[in-house]
Amino acid sequence: LGVVLAAANYPDTPRTGDVITGLP
C-alpha cells in the first residue's frame, strides 16, 4: 500500500521549494 504526500496547493498550482525532513 502506497500513500502519496502532495505539495501545498496540489492539484491546482503546487508550491515548490519547501524543505523535506524526516525521511525514514
mmCIF file of all heavy atoms, coordinates in Angstrom:
data_MODEL
# 
_entry.id   MODEL 
# 
loop_
_atom_site.group_PDB 
_atom_site.id 
_atom_site.type_symbol 
_atom_site.label_atom_id 
_atom_site.label_alt_id 
_atom_site.label_comp_id 
_atom_site.label_asym_id 
_atom_site.label_entity_id 
_atom_site.label_seq_id 
_atom_site.pdbx_PDB_ins_code 
_atom_site.Cartn_x 
_atom_site.Cartn_y 
_atom_site.Cartn_z 
_atom_site.occupancy 
_atom_site.B_iso_or_equiv 
_atom_site.pdbx_formal_charge 
_atom_site.auth_seq_id 
_atom_site.auth_comp_id 
_atom_site.auth_asym_id 
_atom_site.auth_atom_id 
_atom_site.pdbx_PDB_model_num 
ATOM 1   N N   . LEU A 1 1  ? 0.850  -1.196 0.000   1.00 0.00 ? 1  LEU A N   1 
ATOM 2   C CA  . LEU A 1 1  ? 0.000  0.000  0.000   1.00 0.00 ? 1  LEU A CA  1 
ATOM 3   C C   . LEU A 1 1  ? 0.882  1.240  0.000   1.00 0.00 ? 1  LEU A C   1 
ATOM 4   O O   . LEU A 1 1  ? 1.838  1.329  0.780   1.00 0.00 ? 1  LEU A O   1 
ATOM 5   C CB  . LEU A 1 1  ? -0.924 -0.025 1.210   1.00 0.00 ? 1  LEU A CB  1 
ATOM 6   C CG  . LEU A 1 1  ? -1.977 1.083  1.317   1.00 0.00 ? 1  LEU A CG  1 
ATOM 7   C CD1 . LEU A 1 1  ? -3.279 0.539  1.909   1.00 0.00 ? 1  LEU A CD1 1 
ATOM 8   C CD2 . LEU A 1 1  ? -1.479 2.255  2.165   1.00 0.00 ? 1  LEU A CD2 1 
ATOM 9   N N   . GLY A 1 2  ? 0.577  2.182  -0.892  1.00 0.00 ? 2  GLY A N   1 
ATOM 10  C CA  . GLY A 1 2  ? 1.357  3.404  -1.010  1.00 0.00 ? 2  GLY A CA  1 
ATOM 11  C C   . GLY A 1 2  ? 0.489  4.634  -0.796  1.00 0.00 ? 2  GLY A C   1 
ATOM 12  O O   . GLY A 1 2  ? -0.611 4.727  -1.345  1.00 0.00 ? 2  GLY A O   1 
ATOM 13  N N   . VAL A 1 3  ? 0.988  5.583  -0.012  1.00 0.00 ? 3  VAL A N   1 
ATOM 14  C CA  . VAL A 1 3  ? 0.285  6.831  0.278   1.00 0.00 ? 3  VAL A CA  1 
ATOM 15  C C   . VAL A 1 3  ? 1.087  7.986  -0.318  1.00 0.00 ? 3  VAL A C   1 
ATOM 16  O O   . VAL A 1 3  ? 2.280  8.139  -0.031  1.00 0.00 ? 3  VAL A O   1 
ATOM 17  C CB  . VAL A 1 3  ? 0.123  7.042  1.798   1.00 0.00 ? 3  VAL A CB  1 
ATOM 18  C CG1 . VAL A 1 3  ? -0.642 8.339  2.074   1.00 0.00 ? 3  VAL A CG1 1 
ATOM 19  C CG2 . VAL A 1 3  ? -0.576 5.856  2.438   1.00 0.00 ? 3  VAL A CG2 1 
ATOM 20  N N   . VAL A 1 4  ? 0.446  8.785  -1.147  1.00 0.00 ? 4  VAL A N   1 
ATOM 21  C CA  . VAL A 1 4  ? 1.104  9.928  -1.780  1.00 0.00 ? 4  VAL A CA  1 
ATOM 22  C C   . VAL A 1 4  ? 1.061  11.136 -0.848  1.00 0.00 ? 4  VAL A C   1 
ATOM 23  O O   . VAL A 1 4  ? 0.007  11.478 -0.298  1.00 0.00 ? 4  VAL A O   1 
ATOM 24  C CB  . VAL A 1 4  ? 0.427  10.269 -3.123  1.00 0.00 ? 4  VAL A CB  1 
ATOM 25  C CG1 . VAL A 1 4  ? 0.911  11.621 -3.649  1.00 0.00 ? 4  VAL A CG1 1 
ATOM 26  C CG2 . VAL A 1 4  ? 0.702  9.175  -4.146  1.00 0.00 ? 4  VAL A CG2 1 
ATOM 27  N N   . LEU A 1 5  ? 2.210  11.767 -0.676  1.00 0.00 ? 5  LEU A N   1 
ATOM 28  C CA  . LEU A 1 5  ? 2.302  13.042 0.035   1.00 0.00 ? 5  LEU A CA  1 
ATOM 29  C C   . LEU A 1 5  ? 2.423  14.130 -1.018  1.00 0.00 ? 5  LEU A C   1 
ATOM 30  O O   . LEU A 1 5  ? 3.361  14.119 -1.828  1.00 0.00 ? 5  LEU A O   1 
ATOM 31  C CB  . LEU A 1 5  ? 3.508  13.063 0.972   1.00 0.00 ? 5  LEU A CB  1 
ATOM 32  C CG  . LEU A 1 5  ? 3.654  11.883 1.946   1.00 0.00 ? 5  LEU A CG  1 
ATOM 33  C CD1 . LEU A 1 5  ? 4.833  12.117 2.893   1.00 0.00 ? 5  LEU A CD1 1 
ATOM 34  C CD2 . LEU A 1 5  ? 2.378  11.647 2.733   1.00 0.00 ? 5  LEU A CD2 1 
ATOM 35  N N   . ALA A 1 6  ? 1.471  15.047 -1.032  1.00 0.00 ? 6  ALA A N   1 
ATOM 36  C CA  . ALA A 1 6  ? 1.392  16.058 -2.091  1.00 0.00 ? 6  ALA A CA  1 
ATOM 37  C C   . ALA A 1 6  ? 1.764  17.436 -1.559  1.00 0.00 ? 6  ALA A C   1 
ATOM 38  O O   . ALA A 1 6  ? 1.681  17.711 -0.355  1.00 0.00 ? 6  ALA A O   1 
ATOM 39  C CB  . ALA A 1 6  ? -0.019 16.087 -2.685  1.00 0.00 ? 6  ALA A CB  1 
ATOM 40  N N   . ALA A 1 7  ? 2.157  18.293 -2.485  1.00 0.00 ? 7  ALA A N   1 
ATOM 41  C CA  . ALA A 1 7  ? 2.592  19.649 -2.140  1.00 0.00 ? 7  ALA A CA  1 
ATOM 42  C C   . ALA A 1 7  ? 1.403  20.552 -1.831  1.00 0.00 ? 7  ALA A C   1 
ATOM 43  O O   . ALA A 1 7  ? 0.259  20.261 -2.184  1.00 0.00 ? 7  ALA A O   1 
ATOM 44  C CB  . ALA A 1 7  ? 3.397  20.235 -3.301  1.00 0.00 ? 7  ALA A CB  1 
ATOM 45  N N   . ALA A 1 8  ? 1.699  21.647 -1.184  1.00 0.00 ? 8  ALA A N   1 
ATOM 46  C CA  . ALA A 1 8  ? 0.687  22.667 -0.935  1.00 0.00 ? 8  ALA A CA  1 
ATOM 47  C C   . ALA A 1 8  ? 0.088  23.124 -2.259  1.00 0.00 ? 8  ALA A C   1 
ATOM 48  O O   . ALA A 1 8  ? 0.792  23.264 -3.260  1.00 0.00 ? 8  ALA A O   1 
ATOM 49  C CB  . ALA A 1 8  ? 1.308  23.860 -0.203  1.00 0.00 ? 8  ALA A CB  1 
ATOM 50  N N   . ASN A 1 9  ? -1.216 23.297 -2.267  1.00 0.00 ? 9  ASN A N   1 
ATOM 51  C CA  . ASN A 1 9  ? -1.983 23.787 -3.427  1.00 0.00 ? 9  ASN A CA  1 
ATOM 52  C C   . ASN A 1 9  ? -2.157 22.763 -4.545  1.00 0.00 ? 9  ASN A C   1 
ATOM 53  O O   . ASN A 1 9  ? -2.704 23.100 -5.600  1.00 0.00 ? 9  ASN A O   1 
ATOM 54  C CB  . ASN A 1 9  ? -1.374 25.075 -4.021  1.00 0.00 ? 9  ASN A CB  1 
ATOM 55  C CG  . ASN A 1 9  ? -1.251 26.178 -2.997  1.00 0.00 ? 9  ASN A CG  1 
ATOM 56  O OD1 . ASN A 1 9  ? -2.097 26.316 -2.116  1.00 0.00 ? 9  ASN A OD1 1 
ATOM 57  N ND2 . ASN A 1 9  ? -0.197 26.967 -3.101  1.00 0.00 ? 9  ASN A ND2 1 
ATOM 58  N N   . TYR A 1 10 ? -1.691 21.531 -4.348  1.00 0.00 ? 10 TYR A N   1 
ATOM 59  C CA  . TYR A 1 10 ? -1.958 20.486 -5.336  1.00 0.00 ? 10 TYR A CA  1 
ATOM 60  C C   . TYR A 1 10 ? -3.435 20.129 -5.264  1.00 0.00 ? 10 TYR A C   1 
ATOM 61  O O   . TYR A 1 10 ? -4.006 20.104 -4.189  1.00 0.00 ? 10 TYR A O   1 
ATOM 62  C CB  . TYR A 1 10 ? -1.104 19.253 -5.025  1.00 0.00 ? 10 TYR A CB  1 
ATOM 63  C CG  . TYR A 1 10 ? -1.308 18.098 -5.968  1.00 0.00 ? 10 TYR A CG  1 
ATOM 64  C CD1 . TYR A 1 10 ? -0.752 18.109 -7.240  1.00 0.00 ? 10 TYR A CD1 1 
ATOM 65  C CD2 . TYR A 1 10 ? -2.069 16.982 -5.596  1.00 0.00 ? 10 TYR A CD2 1 
ATOM 66  C CE1 . TYR A 1 10 ? -0.943 17.046 -8.111  1.00 0.00 ? 10 TYR A CE1 1 
ATOM 67  C CE2 . TYR A 1 10 ? -2.262 15.927 -6.466  1.00 0.00 ? 10 TYR A CE2 1 
ATOM 68  C CZ  . TYR A 1 10 ? -1.699 15.961 -7.720  1.00 0.00 ? 10 TYR A CZ  1 
ATOM 69  O OH  . TYR A 1 10 ? -1.885 14.912 -8.583  1.00 0.00 ? 10 TYR A OH  1 
ATOM 70  N N   . PRO A 1 11 ? -4.148 19.885 -6.378  1.00 0.00 ? 11 PRO A N   1 
ATOM 71  C CA  . PRO A 1 11 ? -3.636 19.720 -7.751  1.00 0.00 ? 11 PRO A CA  1 
ATOM 72  C C   . PRO A 1 11 ? -3.672 20.981 -8.608  1.00 0.00 ? 11 PRO A C   1 
ATOM 73  O O   . PRO A 1 11 ? -3.408 20.894 -9.805  1.00 0.00 ? 11 PRO A O   1 
ATOM 74  C CB  . PRO A 1 11 ? -4.602 18.679 -8.312  1.00 0.00 ? 11 PRO A CB  1 
ATOM 75  C CG  . PRO A 1 11 ? -5.905 18.982 -7.647  1.00 0.00 ? 11 PRO A CG  1 
ATOM 76  C CD  . PRO A 1 11 ? -5.559 19.440 -6.260  1.00 0.00 ? 11 PRO A CD  1 
ATOM 77  N N   . ASP A 1 12 ? -3.986 22.125 -8.055  1.00 0.00 ? 12 ASP A N   1 
ATOM 78  C CA  . ASP A 1 12 ? -4.136 23.334 -8.876  1.00 0.00 ? 12 ASP A CA  1 
ATOM 79  C C   . ASP A 1 12 ? -2.793 23.931 -9.277  1.00 0.00 ? 12 ASP A C   1 
ATOM 80  O O   . ASP A 1 12 ? -2.332 23.768 -10.405 1.00 0.00 ? 12 ASP A O   1 
ATOM 81  C CB  . ASP A 1 12 ? -4.997 24.359 -8.135  1.00 0.00 ? 12 ASP A CB  1 
ATOM 82  C CG  . ASP A 1 12 ? -6.410 23.849 -7.894  1.00 0.00 ? 12 ASP A CG  1 
ATOM 83  O OD1 . ASP A 1 12 ? -6.950 23.178 -8.791  1.00 0.00 ? 12 ASP A OD1 1 
ATOM 84  O OD2 . ASP A 1 12 ? -6.964 24.106 -6.808  1.00 0.00 ? 12 ASP A OD2 1 
ATOM 85  N N   . THR A 1 13 ? -2.142 24.638 -8.354  1.00 0.00 ? 13 THR A N   1 
ATOM 86  C CA  . THR A 1 13 ? -0.834 25.254 -8.629  1.00 0.00 ? 13 THR A CA  1 
ATOM 87  C C   . THR A 1 13 ? 0.123  24.870 -7.513  1.00 0.00 ? 13 THR A C   1 
ATOM 88  O O   . THR A 1 13 ? 0.335  25.636 -6.567  1.00 0.00 ? 13 THR A O   1 
ATOM 89  C CB  . THR A 1 13 ? -0.952 26.790 -8.726  1.00 0.00 ? 13 THR A CB  1 
ATOM 90  O OG1 . THR A 1 13 ? -1.613 27.287 -7.535  1.00 0.00 ? 13 THR A OG1 1 
ATOM 91  C CG2 . THR A 1 13 ? -1.753 27.192 -9.953  1.00 0.00 ? 13 THR A CG2 1 
ATOM 92  N N   . PRO A 1 14 ? 0.696  23.655 -7.597  1.00 0.00 ? 14 PRO A N   1 
ATOM 93  C CA  . PRO A 1 14 ? 1.523  23.162 -6.495  1.00 0.00 ? 14 PRO A CA  1 
ATOM 94  C C   . PRO A 1 14 ? 2.693  24.091 -6.192  1.00 0.00 ? 14 PRO A C   1 
ATOM 95  O O   . PRO A 1 14 ? 3.352  24.617 -7.091  1.00 0.00 ? 14 PRO A O   1 
ATOM 96  C CB  . PRO A 1 14 ? 2.034  21.811 -7.009  1.00 0.00 ? 14 PRO A CB  1 
ATOM 97  C CG  . PRO A 1 14 ? 1.096  21.423 -8.094  1.00 0.00 ? 14 PRO A CG  1 
ATOM 98  C CD  . PRO A 1 14 ? 0.621  22.696 -8.701  1.00 0.00 ? 14 PRO A CD  1 
ATOM 99  N N   . ARG A 1 15 ? 2.926  24.277 -4.895  1.00 0.00 ? 15 ARG A N   1 
ATOM 100 C CA  . ARG A 1 15 ? 4.062  25.097 -4.466  1.00 0.00 ? 15 ARG A CA  1 
ATOM 101 C C   . ARG A 1 15 ? 5.319  24.236 -4.439  1.00 0.00 ? 15 ARG A C   1 
ATOM 102 O O   . ARG A 1 15 ? 5.267  23.065 -4.043  1.00 0.00 ? 15 ARG A O   1 
ATOM 103 C CB  . ARG A 1 15 ? 3.785  25.667 -3.077  1.00 0.00 ? 15 ARG A CB  1 
ATOM 104 C CG  . ARG A 1 15 ? 4.777  26.748 -2.642  1.00 0.00 ? 15 ARG A CG  1 
ATOM 105 C CD  . ARG A 1 15 ? 4.326  27.379 -1.341  1.00 0.00 ? 15 ARG A CD  1 
ATOM 106 N NE  . ARG A 1 15 ? 4.486  26.461 -0.212  1.00 0.00 ? 15 ARG A NE  1 
ATOM 107 C CZ  . ARG A 1 15 ? 3.745  26.511 0.894   1.00 0.00 ? 15 ARG A CZ  1 
ATOM 108 N NH1 . ARG A 1 15 ? 2.760  27.402 0.996   1.00 0.00 ? 15 ARG A NH1 1 
ATOM 109 N NH2 . ARG A 1 15 ? 3.962  25.671 1.885   1.00 0.00 ? 15 ARG A NH2 1 
ATOM 110 N N   . THR A 1 16 ? 6.435  24.779 -4.846  1.00 0.00 ? 16 THR A N   1 
ATOM 111 C CA  . THR A 1 16 ? 7.702  24.050 -4.845  1.00 0.00 ? 16 THR A CA  1 
ATOM 112 C C   . THR A 1 16 ? 8.709  24.764 -3.954  1.00 0.00 ? 16 THR A C   1 
ATOM 113 O O   . THR A 1 16 ? 8.508  25.898 -3.541  1.00 0.00 ? 16 THR A O   1 
ATOM 114 C CB  . THR A 1 16 ? 8.271  23.930 -6.268  1.00 0.00 ? 16 THR A CB  1 
ATOM 115 O OG1 . THR A 1 16 ? 8.498  25.252 -6.798  1.00 0.00 ? 16 THR A OG1 1 
ATOM 116 C CG2 . THR A 1 16 ? 7.303  23.194 -7.186  1.00 0.00 ? 16 THR A CG2 1 
ATOM 117 N N   . GLY A 1 17 ? 9.802  24.055 -3.643  1.00 0.00 ? 17 GLY A N   1 
ATOM 118 C CA  . GLY A 1 17 ? 10.889 24.648 -2.877  1.00 0.00 ? 17 GLY A CA  1 
ATOM 119 C C   . GLY A 1 17 ? 10.796 24.458 -1.379  1.00 0.00 ? 17 GLY A C   1 
ATOM 120 O O   . GLY A 1 17 ? 11.668 24.932 -0.643  1.00 0.00 ? 17 GLY A O   1 
ATOM 121 N N   . ASP A 1 18 ? 9.767  23.752 -0.882  1.00 0.00 ? 18 ASP A N   1 
ATOM 122 C CA  . ASP A 1 18 ? 9.654  23.500 0.554   1.00 0.00 ? 18 ASP A CA  1 
ATOM 123 C C   . ASP A 1 18 ? 10.592 22.380 0.965   1.00 0.00 ? 18 ASP A C   1 
ATOM 124 O O   . ASP A 1 18 ? 10.666 21.330 0.315   1.00 0.00 ? 18 ASP A O   1 
ATOM 125 C CB  . ASP A 1 18 ? 8.213  23.129 0.923   1.00 0.00 ? 18 ASP A CB  1 
ATOM 126 C CG  . ASP A 1 18 ? 7.253  24.315 0.797   1.00 0.00 ? 18 ASP A CG  1 
ATOM 127 O OD1 . ASP A 1 18 ? 7.587  25.383 1.337   1.00 0.00 ? 18 ASP A OD1 1 
ATOM 128 O OD2 . ASP A 1 18 ? 6.202  24.172 0.148   1.00 0.00 ? 18 ASP A OD2 1 
ATOM 129 N N   . VAL A 1 19 ? 11.320 22.573 2.063   1.00 0.00 ? 19 VAL A N   1 
ATOM 130 C CA  . VAL A 1 19 ? 12.306 21.605 2.537   1.00 0.00 ? 19 VAL A CA  1 
ATOM 131 C C   . VAL A 1 19 ? 11.600 20.388 3.136   1.00 0.00 ? 19 VAL A C   1 
ATOM 132 O O   . VAL A 1 19 ? 10.642 20.516 3.905   1.00 0.00 ? 19 VAL A O   1 
ATOM 133 C CB  . VAL A 1 19 ? 13.234 22.241 3.584   1.00 0.00 ? 19 VAL A CB  1 
ATOM 134 C CG1 . VAL A 1 19 ? 14.195 21.199 4.156   1.00 0.00 ? 19 VAL A CG1 1 
ATOM 135 C CG2 . VAL A 1 19 ? 14.023 23.389 2.947   1.00 0.00 ? 19 VAL A CG2 1 
ATOM 136 N N   . ILE A 1 20 ? 12.080 19.199 2.768   1.00 0.00 ? 20 ILE A N   1 
ATOM 137 C CA  . ILE A 1 20 ? 11.526 17.934 3.255   1.00 0.00 ? 20 ILE A CA  1 
ATOM 138 C C   . ILE A 1 20 ? 12.455 17.367 4.324   1.00 0.00 ? 20 ILE A C   1 
ATOM 139 O O   . ILE A 1 20 ? 13.659 17.233 4.105   1.00 0.00 ? 20 ILE A O   1 
ATOM 140 C CB  . ILE A 1 20 ? 11.387 16.920 2.105   1.00 0.00 ? 20 ILE A CB  1 
ATOM 141 C CG1 . ILE A 1 20 ? 10.534 17.492 0.971   1.00 0.00 ? 20 ILE A CG1 1 
ATOM 142 C CG2 . ILE A 1 20 ? 10.782 15.610 2.621   1.00 0.00 ? 20 ILE A CG2 1 
ATOM 143 C CD1 . ILE A 1 20 ? 10.581 16.661 -0.301  1.00 0.00 ? 20 ILE A CD1 1 
ATOM 144 N N   . THR A 1 21 ? 11.884 17.026 5.476   1.00 0.00 ? 21 THR A N   1 
ATOM 145 C CA  . THR A 1 21 ? 12.680 16.447 6.562   1.00 0.00 ? 21 THR A CA  1 
ATOM 146 C C   . THR A 1 21 ? 12.017 15.162 7.045   1.00 0.00 ? 21 THR A C   1 
ATOM 147 O O   . THR A 1 21 ? 10.862 14.889 6.766   1.00 0.00 ? 21 THR A O   1 
ATOM 148 C CB  . THR A 1 21 ? 12.810 17.430 7.736   1.00 0.00 ? 21 THR A CB  1 
ATOM 149 O OG1 . THR A 1 21 ? 11.498 17.757 8.226   1.00 0.00 ? 21 THR A OG1 1 
ATOM 150 C CG2 . THR A 1 21 ? 13.520 18.708 7.316   1.00 0.00 ? 21 THR A CG2 1 
ATOM 151 N N   . GLY A 1 22 ? 12.801 14.383 7.809   1.00 0.00 ? 22 GLY A N   1 
ATOM 152 C CA  . GLY A 1 22 ? 12.257 13.213 8.484   1.00 0.00 ? 22 GLY A CA  1 
ATOM 153 C C   . GLY A 1 22 ? 12.035 11.998 7.617   1.00 0.00 ? 22 GLY A C   1 
ATOM 154 O O   . GLY A 1 22 ? 11.237 11.121 7.981   1.00 0.00 ? 22 GLY A O   1 
ATOM 155 N N   . LEU A 1 23 ? 12.711 11.903 6.491   1.00 0.00 ? 23 LEU A N   1 
ATOM 156 C CA  . LEU A 1 23 ? 12.532 10.738 5.625   1.00 0.00 ? 23 LEU A CA  1 
ATOM 157 C C   . LEU A 1 23 ? 13.092 9.496  6.306   1.00 0.00 ? 23 LEU A C   1 
ATOM 158 O O   . LEU A 1 23 ? 14.254 9.475  6.708   1.00 0.00 ? 23 LEU A O   1 
ATOM 159 C CB  . LEU A 1 23 ? 13.221 10.955 4.275   1.00 0.00 ? 23 LEU A CB  1 
ATOM 160 C CG  . LEU A 1 23 ? 12.593 12.018 3.375   1.00 0.00 ? 23 LEU A CG  1 
ATOM 161 C CD1 . LEU A 1 23 ? 13.498 12.317 2.189   1.00 0.00 ? 23 LEU A CD1 1 
ATOM 162 C CD2 . LEU A 1 23 ? 11.226 11.553 2.889   1.00 0.00 ? 23 LEU A CD2 1 
ATOM 163 N N   . PRO A 1 24 ? 12.288 8.428  6.445   1.00 0.00 ? 24 PRO A N   1 
ATOM 164 C CA  . PRO A 1 24 ? 12.772 7.220  7.124   1.00 0.00 ? 24 PRO A CA  1 
ATOM 165 C C   . PRO A 1 24 ? 13.702 6.408  6.233   1.00 0.00 ? 24 PRO A C   1 
ATOM 166 O O   . PRO A 1 24 ? 13.647 6.495  5.005   1.00 0.00 ? 24 PRO A O   1 
ATOM 167 C CB  . PRO A 1 24 ? 11.481 6.445  7.418   1.00 0.00 ? 24 PRO A CB  1 
ATOM 168 C CG  . PRO A 1 24 ? 10.552 6.854  6.311   1.00 0.00 ? 24 PRO A CG  1 
ATOM 169 C CD  . PRO A 1 24 ? 10.881 8.292  6.006   1.00 0.00 ? 24 PRO A CD  1 
# 
